[in-house]
Amino acid sequence: MTYTFSNFQRITVDPEVCFGKPCIKGTRMPVASVLAYLSGGMTMDELLKEFDWLSREDVLEAIAFAAGAVDYRIIPLKKAS
């Protein structure tokens, strides 16, 4: 069974696809992978060229989804020494 998000039409979760991680709809591309490529230095244009089945809107929605997910989480901090 595939689950969707009301605010993110391009992101789905299916327990049988990518271990239930949020993915770009209709693909096996996890949101986390999109973010990893971008944070690793790949540009949006390079990402879209490498994965030509993704759209700019898919990538932007993955970023927005991740931002929303982090916004509602408590991340434990350790005091810097």
N, C-alpha and C. Protein backbone atom coordinates (compact mmCIF):
# COMPACT_ATOMS: atom_id res chain seq x y z
N MET A 1 0.85 -1.17 0.00
CA MET A 1 0.00 0.00 0.00
C MET A 1 0.89 1.23 0.00
N THR A 2 0.54 2.19 -0.84
CA THR A 2 1.29 3.43 -0.94
C THR A 2 0.57 4.53 -0.18
N TYR A 3 1.35 5.31 0.57
CA TYR A 3 0.81 6.42 1.34
C TYR A 3 1.30 7.73 0.73
N THR A 4 0.45 8.74 0.81
CA THR A 4 0.80 10.05 0.28
C THR A 4 0.67 11.09 1.38
N PHE A 5 1.15 12.28 1.10
CA PHE A 5 1.09 13.39 2.04
C PHE A 5 0.22 14.48 1.42
N SER A 6 -0.65 15.07 2.20
CA SER A 6 -1.56 16.07 1.65
C SER A 6 -0.83 17.29 1.09
N ASN A 7 0.28 17.68 1.70
CA ASN A 7 1.02 18.86 1.25
C ASN A 7 2.13 18.55 0.26
N PHE A 8 2.39 17.28 0.02
CA PHE A 8 3.51 16.89 -0.85
C PHE A 8 3.03 15.80 -1.81
N GLN A 9 2.48 16.21 -2.91
CA GLN A 9 1.89 15.27 -3.88
C GLN A 9 2.93 14.43 -4.60
N ARG A 10 4.18 14.85 -4.62
CA ARG A 10 5.23 14.13 -5.34
C ARG A 10 6.02 13.17 -4.45
N ILE A 11 5.68 13.10 -3.18
CA ILE A 11 6.39 12.24 -2.23
C ILE A 11 5.44 11.14 -1.75
N THR A 12 5.90 9.90 -1.79
CA THR A 12 5.09 8.77 -1.33
C THR A 12 5.91 7.88 -0.41
N VAL A 13 5.21 7.07 0.34
CA VAL A 13 5.83 6.05 1.19
C VAL A 13 5.13 4.74 0.93
N ASP A 14 5.91 3.72 0.64
CA ASP A 14 5.39 2.37 0.45
C ASP A 14 6.30 1.44 1.23
N PRO A 15 5.75 0.72 2.21
CA PRO A 15 6.59 -0.17 3.03
C PRO A 15 7.37 -1.20 2.21
N GLU A 16 6.94 -1.47 0.96
CA GLU A 16 7.62 -2.45 0.13
C GLU A 16 8.62 -1.82 -0.85
N VAL A 17 8.79 -0.51 -0.79
CA VAL A 17 9.73 0.18 -1.67
C VAL A 17 10.73 0.95 -0.81
N CYS A 18 12.00 0.66 -1.02
CA CYS A 18 13.08 1.36 -0.29
C CYS A 18 12.87 1.33 1.22
N PHE A 19 12.42 0.21 1.73
CA PHE A 19 12.23 0.00 3.17
C PHE A 19 11.28 1.01 3.80
N GLY A 20 10.35 1.54 3.00
CA GLY A 20 9.36 2.47 3.52
C GLY A 20 9.85 3.90 3.66
N LYS A 21 11.01 4.20 3.08
CA LYS A 21 11.51 5.57 3.14
C LYS A 21 10.70 6.45 2.18
N PRO A 22 10.53 7.73 2.51
CA PRO A 22 9.84 8.63 1.59
C PRO A 22 10.61 8.72 0.27
N CYS A 23 9.89 8.53 -0.85
CA CYS A 23 10.49 8.53 -2.18
C CYS A 23 9.75 9.48 -3.11
N ILE A 24 10.41 9.83 -4.20
CA ILE A 24 9.75 10.57 -5.25
C ILE A 24 8.70 9.64 -5.86
N LYS A 25 7.50 10.14 -6.01
CA LYS A 25 6.37 9.34 -6.50
C LYS A 25 6.71 8.61 -7.80
N GLY A 26 6.39 7.31 -7.82
CA GLY A 26 6.59 6.50 -9.01
C GLY A 26 8.02 6.08 -9.26
N THR A 27 8.90 6.32 -8.28
CA THR A 27 10.31 5.95 -8.44
C THR A 27 10.80 5.20 -7.20
N ARG A 28 12.04 4.80 -7.26
CA ARG A 28 12.71 4.23 -6.10
C ARG A 28 13.82 5.19 -5.65
N MET A 29 13.58 6.47 -5.83
CA MET A 29 14.55 7.50 -5.44
C MET A 29 14.11 8.10 -4.11
N PRO A 30 14.79 7.72 -3.02
CA PRO A 30 14.43 8.29 -1.72
C PRO A 30 14.75 9.78 -1.64
N VAL A 31 13.94 10.48 -0.89
CA VAL A 31 14.18 11.89 -0.62
C VAL A 31 15.59 12.07 -0.07
N ALA A 32 16.01 11.17 0.81
CA ALA A 32 17.34 11.26 1.41
C ALA A 32 18.44 11.19 0.36
N SER A 33 18.25 10.43 -0.69
CA SER A 33 19.26 10.34 -1.75
C SER A 33 19.36 11.65 -2.52
N VAL A 34 18.21 12.25 -2.81
CA VAL A 34 18.22 13.56 -3.49
C VAL A 34 19.03 14.55 -2.66
N LEU A 35 18.76 14.58 -1.36
CA LEU A 35 19.48 15.51 -0.48
C LEU A 35 20.97 15.17 -0.41
N ALA A 36 21.29 13.90 -0.39
CA ALA A 36 22.70 13.50 -0.31
C ALA A 36 23.46 13.94 -1.56
N TYR A 37 22.86 13.78 -2.73
CA TYR A 37 23.52 14.24 -3.95
C TYR A 37 23.75 15.74 -3.91
N LEU A 38 22.72 16.48 -3.54
CA LEU A 38 22.84 17.94 -3.51
C LEU A 38 23.85 18.39 -2.45
N SER A 39 23.80 17.79 -1.27
CA SER A 39 24.73 18.20 -0.22
C SER A 39 26.16 17.76 -0.52
N GLY A 40 26.30 16.78 -1.38
CA GLY A 40 27.63 16.32 -1.79
C GLY A 40 28.26 17.19 -2.87
N GLY A 41 27.51 18.19 -3.31
CA GLY A 41 28.07 19.12 -4.28
C GLY A 41 27.48 19.04 -5.67
N MET A 42 26.61 18.08 -5.92
CA MET A 42 25.98 17.99 -7.23
C MET A 42 25.00 19.15 -7.39
N THR A 43 25.03 19.80 -8.52
CA THR A 43 24.08 20.88 -8.75
C THR A 43 22.73 20.31 -9.16
N MET A 44 21.72 21.15 -9.11
CA MET A 44 20.39 20.73 -9.55
C MET A 44 20.43 20.27 -11.00
N ASP A 45 21.12 21.02 -11.85
CA ASP A 45 21.20 20.65 -13.26
C ASP A 45 21.93 19.32 -13.46
N GLU A 46 22.99 19.09 -12.71
CA GLU A 46 23.71 17.82 -12.80
C GLU A 46 22.82 16.66 -12.34
N LEU A 47 22.09 16.88 -11.28
CA LEU A 47 21.18 15.85 -10.75
C LEU A 47 20.11 15.51 -11.79
N LEU A 48 19.54 16.53 -12.39
CA LEU A 48 18.48 16.31 -13.39
C LEU A 48 19.02 15.66 -14.66
N LYS A 49 20.28 15.92 -14.98
CA LYS A 49 20.90 15.27 -16.15
C LYS A 49 21.20 13.80 -15.85
N GLU A 50 21.72 13.54 -14.66
CA GLU A 50 22.06 12.16 -14.27
C GLU A 50 20.81 11.30 -14.11
N PHE A 51 19.78 11.87 -13.55
CA PHE A 51 18.52 11.16 -13.33
C PHE A 51 17.44 11.86 -14.15
N ASP A 52 17.47 11.63 -15.44
CA ASP A 52 16.63 12.40 -16.36
C ASP A 52 15.14 12.13 -16.20
N TRP A 53 14.79 11.17 -15.41
CA TRP A 53 13.38 10.89 -15.14
C TRP A 53 12.85 11.70 -13.96
N LEU A 54 13.73 12.44 -13.29
CA LEU A 54 13.30 13.37 -12.25
C LEU A 54 13.02 14.73 -12.87
N SER A 55 12.11 15.47 -12.26
CA SER A 55 11.85 16.84 -12.70
C SER A 55 12.35 17.82 -11.65
N ARG A 56 12.51 19.05 -12.06
CA ARG A 56 12.92 20.11 -11.13
C ARG A 56 11.92 20.19 -9.97
N GLU A 57 10.65 20.03 -10.28
CA GLU A 57 9.61 20.08 -9.24
C GLU A 57 9.76 18.92 -8.25
N ASP A 58 10.17 17.74 -8.74
CA ASP A 58 10.42 16.60 -7.84
C ASP A 58 11.51 16.96 -6.83
N VAL A 59 12.59 17.53 -7.33
CA VAL A 59 13.73 17.86 -6.46
C VAL A 59 13.35 18.95 -5.46
N LEU A 60 12.67 19.98 -5.93
CA LEU A 60 12.26 21.05 -5.03
C LEU A 60 11.29 20.55 -3.96
N GLU A 61 10.40 19.64 -4.34
CA GLU A 61 9.48 19.11 -3.34
C GLU A 61 10.20 18.21 -2.35
N ALA A 62 11.21 17.48 -2.79
CA ALA A 62 12.02 16.66 -1.87
C ALA A 62 12.70 17.55 -0.83
N ILE A 63 13.23 18.68 -1.27
CA ILE A 63 13.87 19.62 -0.35
C ILE A 63 12.85 20.19 0.63
N ALA A 64 11.70 20.58 0.12
CA ALA A 64 10.65 21.13 0.99
C ALA A 64 10.15 20.09 1.99
N PHE A 65 10.01 18.85 1.54
CA PHE A 65 9.58 17.77 2.43
C PHE A 65 10.58 17.58 3.57
N ALA A 66 11.86 17.55 3.22
CA ALA A 66 12.90 17.37 4.24
C ALA A 66 12.92 18.54 5.21
N ALA A 67 12.75 19.75 4.70
CA ALA A 67 12.73 20.93 5.57
C ALA A 67 11.58 20.83 6.56
N GLY A 68 10.43 20.40 6.08
CA GLY A 68 9.28 20.23 6.96
C GLY A 68 9.50 19.14 7.99
N ALA A 69 10.13 18.06 7.58
CA ALA A 69 10.38 16.95 8.50
C ALA A 69 11.33 17.37 9.63
N VAL A 70 12.34 18.13 9.30
CA VAL A 70 13.31 18.58 10.29
C VAL A 70 12.69 19.63 11.22
N ASP A 71 11.79 20.42 10.68
CA ASP A 71 11.16 21.49 11.45
C ASP A 71 10.35 20.95 12.63
N TYR A 72 9.85 19.74 12.50
CA TYR A 72 9.00 19.18 13.56
C TYR A 72 9.71 18.12 14.39
N ARG A 73 11.01 18.09 14.34
CA ARG A 73 11.77 17.11 15.12
C ARG A 73 12.60 17.81 16.16
N ILE A 74 12.79 17.14 17.24
CA ILE A 74 13.71 17.62 18.26
C ILE A 74 15.02 16.88 18.04
N ILE A 75 16.07 17.64 17.80
CA ILE A 75 17.38 17.05 17.55
C ILE A 75 18.25 17.27 18.78
N PRO A 76 18.66 16.19 19.44
CA PRO A 76 19.46 16.34 20.64
C PRO A 76 20.81 17.00 20.32
N LEU A 77 21.21 17.91 21.16
CA LEU A 77 22.46 18.62 20.95
C LEU A 77 23.47 18.27 22.03
N LYS A 78 24.71 18.40 21.68
CA LYS A 78 25.79 18.20 22.62
C LYS A 78 26.56 19.51 22.68
N LYS A 79 26.88 19.96 23.87
CA LYS A 79 27.61 21.22 24.02
C LYS A 79 28.98 21.09 23.37
N ALA A 80 29.32 22.07 22.56
CA ALA A 80 30.62 22.08 21.89
C ALA A 80 31.72 22.32 22.92
N SER A 81 32.82 21.65 22.71
CA SER A 81 33.93 21.83 23.67
C SER A 81 34.96 22.77 23.16
